[in-house]
Amino acid sequence: KRSLEDPDINKPIVQDLWVDDTTYRITRLNVEDQRLNKSLLTDYEDHRQTDGGSFPFKSKTVIKADKILKIDIEYQKISLNNDIEFPFNIPIGYERIQ
């Protein structure tokens, strides 16, 4: 309700959440900074059961600031609590930059 009111420069950042009435999962997130006229809107889709519970395998985000940025993410698989290994080696002559 608050984000539907007239913008007021004294308001803090406003966050709205849409929750599915059967699964109680967040389906949409909207964050607005009315003072700076910037916003972030994310839609979460394709919730599936994983070892860690229900997880949205798709998300679409639109960030409005100086420019408009659109980000679409789609996960193929999710694994939890596994060690991550990266297939590369650090060269012997590498010197760490401080």
Protein backbone atom coordinates (compact mmCIF):
# COMPACT_ATOMS: atom_id res chain seq x y z
CA LYS A 1 0.00 0.00 0.00
CA ARG A 2 2.73 2.41 0.90
CA SER A 3 4.39 2.33 -2.52
CA LEU A 4 1.07 3.21 -4.15
CA GLU A 5 0.89 6.51 -2.29
CA ASP A 6 2.32 9.74 -3.70
CA PRO A 7 6.14 9.76 -3.70
CA ASP A 8 7.48 11.60 -0.67
CA ILE A 9 11.16 12.56 -0.39
CA ASN A 10 11.03 11.83 3.35
CA LYS A 11 10.13 8.17 2.84
CA PRO A 12 12.82 5.55 3.15
CA ILE A 13 13.33 2.86 0.54
CA VAL A 14 10.07 0.99 -0.03
CA GLN A 15 10.03 -2.78 -0.51
CA ASP A 16 7.00 -4.73 -1.72
CA LEU A 17 6.76 -8.52 -1.78
CA TRP A 18 4.21 -10.65 -3.61
CA VAL A 19 3.70 -14.06 -2.00
CA ASP A 20 1.99 -17.05 -3.58
CA ASP A 21 -1.12 -17.83 -1.53
CA THR A 22 -0.69 -21.61 -1.75
CA THR A 23 3.09 -22.12 -1.42
CA TYR A 24 3.92 -18.93 0.52
CA ARG A 25 6.91 -18.38 -1.77
CA ILE A 26 7.94 -14.93 -2.96
CA THR A 27 6.95 -14.51 -6.60
CA ARG A 28 7.84 -10.83 -7.03
CA LEU A 29 10.06 -8.31 -5.28
CA ASN A 30 9.92 -4.57 -5.88
CA VAL A 31 12.34 -2.16 -4.21
CA GLU A 32 12.02 1.58 -4.81
CA ASP A 33 14.14 4.47 -3.67
CA GLN A 34 11.70 7.28 -4.27
CA ARG A 35 14.24 9.93 -3.25
CA LEU A 36 16.68 8.89 -5.97
CA ASN A 37 14.04 7.66 -8.43
CA LYS A 38 15.66 4.22 -8.73
CA SER A 39 14.03 0.81 -8.57
CA LEU A 40 14.55 -2.92 -8.82
CA LEU A 41 11.80 -5.36 -9.85
CA THR A 42 12.37 -9.12 -9.79
CA ASP A 43 9.90 -11.84 -10.81
CA TYR A 44 10.64 -15.36 -9.54
CA GLU A 45 9.32 -18.30 -11.56
CA ASP A 46 9.53 -22.07 -11.91
CA HIS A 47 9.80 -22.93 -8.20
CA ARG A 48 11.02 -26.50 -7.75
CA GLN A 49 11.78 -28.63 -4.72
CA THR A 50 15.50 -29.04 -3.94
CA ASP A 51 17.43 -30.49 -1.00
CA GLY A 52 17.25 -27.03 0.56
CA GLY A 53 13.53 -26.50 -0.07
CA SER A 54 11.65 -24.75 -2.82
CA PHE A 55 13.85 -22.67 -5.14
CA PRO A 56 12.98 -20.42 -8.11
CA PHE A 57 14.85 -21.74 -11.15
CA LYS A 58 14.05 -18.61 -13.19
CA SER A 59 14.22 -14.94 -12.32
CA LYS A 60 13.77 -11.79 -14.35
CA THR A 61 15.08 -8.51 -12.95
CA VAL A 62 14.73 -4.95 -14.20
CA ILE A 63 16.86 -2.25 -12.58
CA LYS A 64 15.92 1.33 -13.32
CA ALA A 65 18.55 3.94 -12.46
CA ASP A 66 20.56 6.16 -14.78
CA LYS A 67 20.03 3.40 -17.34
CA ILE A 68 17.70 0.41 -17.51
CA LEU A 69 19.33 -2.97 -16.94
CA LYS A 70 17.52 -6.28 -17.57
CA ILE A 71 18.84 -9.53 -16.11
CA ASP A 72 17.34 -12.96 -16.86
CA ILE A 73 18.68 -15.94 -14.89
CA GLU A 74 17.78 -19.58 -15.47
CA TYR A 75 19.32 -22.36 -13.39
CA GLN A 76 19.76 -25.83 -14.85
CA LYS A 77 20.59 -27.63 -11.61
CA ILE A 78 21.33 -26.80 -8.01
CA SER A 79 23.47 -28.71 -5.54
CA LEU A 80 23.84 -27.75 -1.91
CA ASN A 81 26.60 -28.28 0.65
CA ASN A 82 29.12 -29.59 -1.90
CA ASP A 83 32.74 -28.48 -2.13
CA ILE A 84 33.31 -26.40 -5.25
CA GLU A 85 36.32 -27.12 -7.41
CA PHE A 86 37.55 -24.90 -10.20
CA PRO A 87 39.50 -26.47 -13.10
CA PHE A 88 42.54 -24.17 -13.11
CA ASN A 89 45.99 -23.90 -11.58
CA ILE A 90 47.79 -20.80 -10.36
CA PRO A 91 51.09 -20.40 -12.26
CA ILE A 92 54.28 -20.80 -10.21
CA GLY A 93 55.51 -17.31 -11.17
CA TYR A 94 52.34 -15.62 -9.92
CA GLU A 95 52.92 -12.86 -7.37
CA ARG A 96 50.00 -11.76 -5.27
CA ILE A 97 49.29 -8.03 -5.51
CA GLN A 98 48.76 -6.37 -2.14
